[in-house]
């Protein structure tokens, strides 16, 4: 089991940037580096959607087409922390952002992930 806590959300104007963080605390016998990680988001009245994912080592990443090259996912295994750097934000990026962990392979499907944080809200104004 791993506990995930997101932070870094807030209000930003269109064109601005934010860095989201996800602090992970793994159960005994497991470490953060053993989990592939992902970011998802859910806007009001919309389904949860995939944003980005990263392998356990950080050597491979995968992004949703809607990110349009504006987002970067990274991890610092020494700090047990996952990051999402968001640049050139648009109002349509407004959502609650969730980090997720899986002991399997990362992917775009939420069902592939075993553990979820509580989310951090991002609001992008026009």
C-alpha atoms as a PDB file:
ATOM      1  CA  UNK A   1       0.000   0.000   0.000  1.00  0.00           C
ATOM      2  CA  UNK A   2       1.121   3.552  -0.716  1.00  0.00           C
ATOM      3  CA  UNK A   3      -0.413   6.801   0.479  1.00  0.00           C
ATOM      4  CA  UNK A   4      -0.426   9.752  -1.897  1.00  0.00           C
ATOM      5  CA  UNK A   5      -0.922  13.429  -1.072  1.00  0.00           C
ATOM      6  CA  UNK A   6      -1.133  16.039  -3.828  1.00  0.00           C
ATOM      7  CA  UNK A   7      -0.286  19.705  -3.441  1.00  0.00           C
ATOM      8  CA  UNK A   8       0.521  22.751  -5.526  1.00  0.00           C
ATOM      9  CA  UNK A   9      -2.864  23.511  -7.016  1.00  0.00           C
ATOM     10  CA  UNK A  10      -4.368  26.953  -7.005  1.00  0.00           C
ATOM     11  CA  UNK A  11      -5.645  29.810  -9.087  1.00  0.00           C
ATOM     12  CA  UNK A  12      -3.631  30.948 -12.074  1.00  0.00           C
ATOM     13  CA  UNK A  13      -4.349  33.092 -15.096  1.00  0.00           C
ATOM     14  CA  UNK A  14      -4.295  31.678 -18.593  1.00  0.00           C
ATOM     15  CA  UNK A  15      -0.753  31.398 -19.869  1.00  0.00           C
ATOM     16  CA  UNK A  16       0.659  30.898 -16.412  1.00  0.00           C
ATOM     17  CA  UNK A  17       2.411  27.921 -14.867  1.00  0.00           C
ATOM     18  CA  UNK A  18       2.011  25.629 -11.892  1.00  0.00           C
ATOM     19  CA  UNK A  19       3.959  22.768 -10.396  1.00  0.00           C
ATOM     20  CA  UNK A  20       1.948  20.011  -8.805  1.00  0.00           C
ATOM     21  CA  UNK A  21       3.551  17.651  -6.321  1.00  0.00           C
ATOM     22  CA  UNK A  22       2.550  14.252  -5.041  1.00  0.00           C
ATOM     23  CA  UNK A  23       4.207  13.004  -1.880  1.00  0.00           C
ATOM     24  CA  UNK A  24       4.210   9.237  -1.518  1.00  0.00           C
ATOM     25  CA  UNK A  25       4.542   7.104   1.581  1.00  0.00           C
ATOM     26  CA  UNK A  26       4.872   3.396   0.903  1.00  0.00           C
ATOM     27  CA  UNK A  27       4.198   0.522   3.261  1.00  0.00           C
ATOM     28  CA  UNK A  28       7.056  -1.410   4.795  1.00  0.00           C
ATOM     29  CA  UNK A  29       8.846  -3.571   2.304  1.00  0.00           C
ATOM     30  CA  UNK A  30       7.988  -1.246  -0.560  1.00  0.00           C
ATOM     31  CA  UNK A  31       9.525   1.958  -1.821  1.00  0.00           C
ATOM     32  CA  UNK A  32       8.292   4.764  -4.015  1.00  0.00           C
ATOM     33  CA  UNK A  33      10.678   3.772  -6.775  1.00  0.00           C
ATOM     34  CA  UNK A  34       8.857   0.449  -7.196  1.00  0.00           C
ATOM     35  CA  UNK A  35       5.701   2.174  -8.436  1.00  0.00           C
ATOM     36  CA  UNK A  36       4.923   3.570 -11.816  1.00  0.00           C
ATOM     37  CA  UNK A  37       3.014   6.826 -11.421  1.00  0.00           C
ATOM     38  CA  UNK A  38       0.390   8.791 -13.266  1.00  0.00           C
ATOM     39  CA  UNK A  39      -1.505  12.057 -13.206  1.00  0.00           C
ATOM     40  CA  UNK A  40      -5.208  12.263 -13.960  1.00  0.00           C
ATOM     41  CA  UNK A  41      -7.688  15.102 -13.812  1.00  0.00           C
ATOM     42  CA  UNK A  42     -11.412  15.538 -13.498  1.00  0.00           C
ATOM     43  CA  UNK A  43     -13.235  18.699 -14.459  1.00  0.00           C
ATOM     44  CA  UNK A  44     -16.741  19.542 -13.258  1.00  0.00           C
ATOM     45  CA  UNK A  45     -19.393  17.333 -14.874  1.00  0.00           C
ATOM     46  CA  UNK A  46     -16.700  15.469 -16.805  1.00  0.00           C
ATOM     47  CA  UNK A  47     -15.134  12.041 -16.560  1.00  0.00           C
ATOM     48  CA  UNK A  48     -11.705  11.521 -15.094  1.00  0.00           C
ATOM     49  CA  UNK A  49      -9.095  11.689 -17.833  1.00  0.00           C
ATOM     50  CA  UNK A  50      -5.479  10.722 -18.227  1.00  0.00           C
ATOM     51  CA  UNK A  51      -2.835  13.439 -18.183  1.00  0.00           C
ATOM     52  CA  UNK A  52       0.606  11.834 -17.973  1.00  0.00           C
ATOM     53  CA  UNK A  53       2.475   8.803 -16.674  1.00  0.00           C
ATOM     54  CA  UNK A  54       6.034   7.878 -15.784  1.00  0.00           C
ATOM     55  CA  UNK A  55       7.875   4.611 -15.289  1.00  0.00           C
ATOM     56  CA  UNK A  56       9.329   3.502 -11.967  1.00  0.00           C
ATOM     57  CA  UNK A  57      12.779   4.765 -12.914  1.00  0.00           C
ATOM     58  CA  UNK A  58      11.587   7.956 -14.568  1.00  0.00           C
ATOM     59  CA  UNK A  59      13.223   6.907 -17.804  1.00  0.00           C
ATOM     60  CA  UNK A  60      10.003   6.669 -19.781  1.00  0.00           C
ATOM     61  CA  UNK A  61       7.072   9.061 -19.913  1.00  0.00           C
ATOM     62  CA  UNK A  62       3.722   9.095 -21.638  1.00  0.00           C
ATOM     63  CA  UNK A  63       1.413  12.064 -22.208  1.00  0.00           C
ATOM     64  CA  UNK A  64      -2.128  12.665 -23.315  1.00  0.00           C
ATOM     65  CA  UNK A  65      -2.494  14.328 -26.694  1.00  0.00           C
ATOM     66  CA  UNK A  66      -4.428  17.133 -25.047  1.00  0.00           C
ATOM     67  CA  UNK A  67      -1.322  18.153 -23.092  1.00  0.00           C
ATOM     68  CA  UNK A  68       0.034  19.578 -26.355  1.00  0.00           C
ATOM     69  CA  UNK A  69       3.607  19.519 -25.084  1.00  0.00           C
ATOM     70  CA  UNK A  70       2.788  21.937 -22.271  1.00  0.00           C
ATOM     71  CA  UNK A  71       3.121  19.476 -19.398  1.00  0.00           C
ATOM     72  CA  UNK A  72       6.101  17.594 -18.023  1.00  0.00           C
ATOM     73  CA  UNK A  73       5.935  14.708 -15.583  1.00  0.00           C
ATOM     74  CA  UNK A  74       8.934  13.844 -13.447  1.00  0.00           C
ATOM     75  CA  UNK A  75       9.808  12.090 -10.225  1.00  0.00           C
ATOM     76  CA  UNK A  76      12.420  12.334  -7.518  1.00  0.00           C
ATOM     77  CA  UNK A  77      12.688   8.902  -5.969  1.00  0.00           C
ATOM     78  CA  UNK A  78      15.064  10.145  -3.281  1.00  0.00           C
ATOM     79  CA  UNK A  79      12.290  12.465  -2.072  1.00  0.00           C
ATOM     80  CA  UNK A  80       9.432  10.032  -2.774  1.00  0.00           C
ATOM     81  CA  UNK A  81       7.785  12.756  -4.808  1.00  0.00           C
ATOM     82  CA  UNK A  82       6.052  12.949  -8.174  1.00  0.00           C
ATOM     83  CA  UNK A  83       5.756  16.233 -10.064  1.00  0.00           C
ATOM     84  CA  UNK A  84       3.702  17.679 -12.861  1.00  0.00           C
ATOM     85  CA  UNK A  85       4.998  20.879 -14.429  1.00  0.00           C
ATOM     86  CA  UNK A  86       2.246  22.702 -16.260  1.00  0.00           C
ATOM     87  CA  UNK A  87       3.021  25.597 -18.575  1.00  0.00           C
ATOM     88  CA  UNK A  88       0.905  27.785 -20.836  1.00  0.00           C
ATOM     89  CA  UNK A  89      -2.184  26.857 -18.895  1.00  0.00           C
ATOM     90  CA  UNK A  90      -5.587  27.232 -20.470  1.00  0.00           C
ATOM     91  CA  UNK A  91      -9.030  27.575 -18.894  1.00  0.00           C
ATOM     92  CA  UNK A  92      -9.843  24.071 -20.130  1.00  0.00           C
ATOM     93  CA  UNK A  93      -7.080  22.759 -17.859  1.00  0.00           C
ATOM     94  CA  UNK A  94      -9.256  23.637 -14.877  1.00  0.00           C
ATOM     95  CA  UNK A  95      -9.847  20.447 -12.913  1.00  0.00           C
ATOM     96  CA  UNK A  96      -9.010  18.511  -9.806  1.00  0.00           C
ATOM     97  CA  UNK A  97      -5.706  16.762 -10.441  1.00  0.00           C
ATOM     98  CA  UNK A  98      -4.994  13.355  -8.944  1.00  0.00           C
ATOM     99  CA  UNK A  99      -1.821  11.362  -8.730  1.00  0.00           C
ATOM    100  CA  UNK A 100      -1.959   7.587  -8.855  1.00  0.00           C
ATOM    101  CA  UNK A 101       0.404   4.674  -8.340  1.00  0.00           C
ATOM    102  CA  UNK A 102       0.617   1.182  -9.767  1.00  0.00           C
ATOM    103  CA  UNK A 103       2.920  -1.743  -9.156  1.00  0.00           C
ATOM    104  CA  UNK A 104       2.236  -2.783 -12.726  1.00  0.00           C
ATOM    105  CA  UNK A 105       2.808  -1.021 -16.005  1.00  0.00           C
ATOM    106  CA  UNK A 106       1.740   2.586 -16.360  1.00  0.00           C
ATOM    107  CA  UNK A 107      -0.845   3.560 -18.914  1.00  0.00           C
ATOM    108  CA  UNK A 108      -3.690   5.881 -19.780  1.00  0.00           C
ATOM    109  CA  UNK A 109      -6.427   3.803 -18.156  1.00  0.00           C
ATOM    110  CA  UNK A 110      -7.344   4.678 -14.601  1.00  0.00           C
ATOM    111  CA  UNK A 111      -8.171   1.038 -13.882  1.00  0.00           C
ATOM    112  CA  UNK A 112      -4.469   0.224 -14.172  1.00  0.00           C
ATOM    113  CA  UNK A 113      -3.690   2.193 -11.021  1.00  0.00           C
ATOM    114  CA  UNK A 114      -4.043   0.792  -7.535  1.00  0.00           C
ATOM    115  CA  UNK A 115      -3.686   3.846  -5.304  1.00  0.00           C
ATOM    116  CA  UNK A 116      -4.981   7.401  -5.552  1.00  0.00           C
ATOM    117  CA  UNK A 117      -4.515  10.684  -3.768  1.00  0.00           C
ATOM    118  CA  UNK A 118      -7.263  13.051  -2.683  1.00  0.00           C
ATOM    119  CA  UNK A 119      -6.551  15.540  -5.460  1.00  0.00           C
ATOM    120  CA  UNK A 120      -5.494  19.157  -5.739  1.00  0.00           C
ATOM    121  CA  UNK A 121      -7.609  21.749  -7.496  1.00  0.00           C
ATOM    122  CA  UNK A 122      -6.302  23.804 -10.395  1.00  0.00           C
ATOM    123  CA  UNK A 123      -8.322  26.764 -11.613  1.00  0.00           C
ATOM    124  CA  UNK A 124      -7.221  28.651 -14.706  1.00  0.00           C
ATOM    125  CA  UNK A 125      -8.936  31.967 -15.312  1.00  0.00           C
ATOM    126  CA  UNK A 126      -9.317  33.729 -18.641  1.00  0.00           C
END
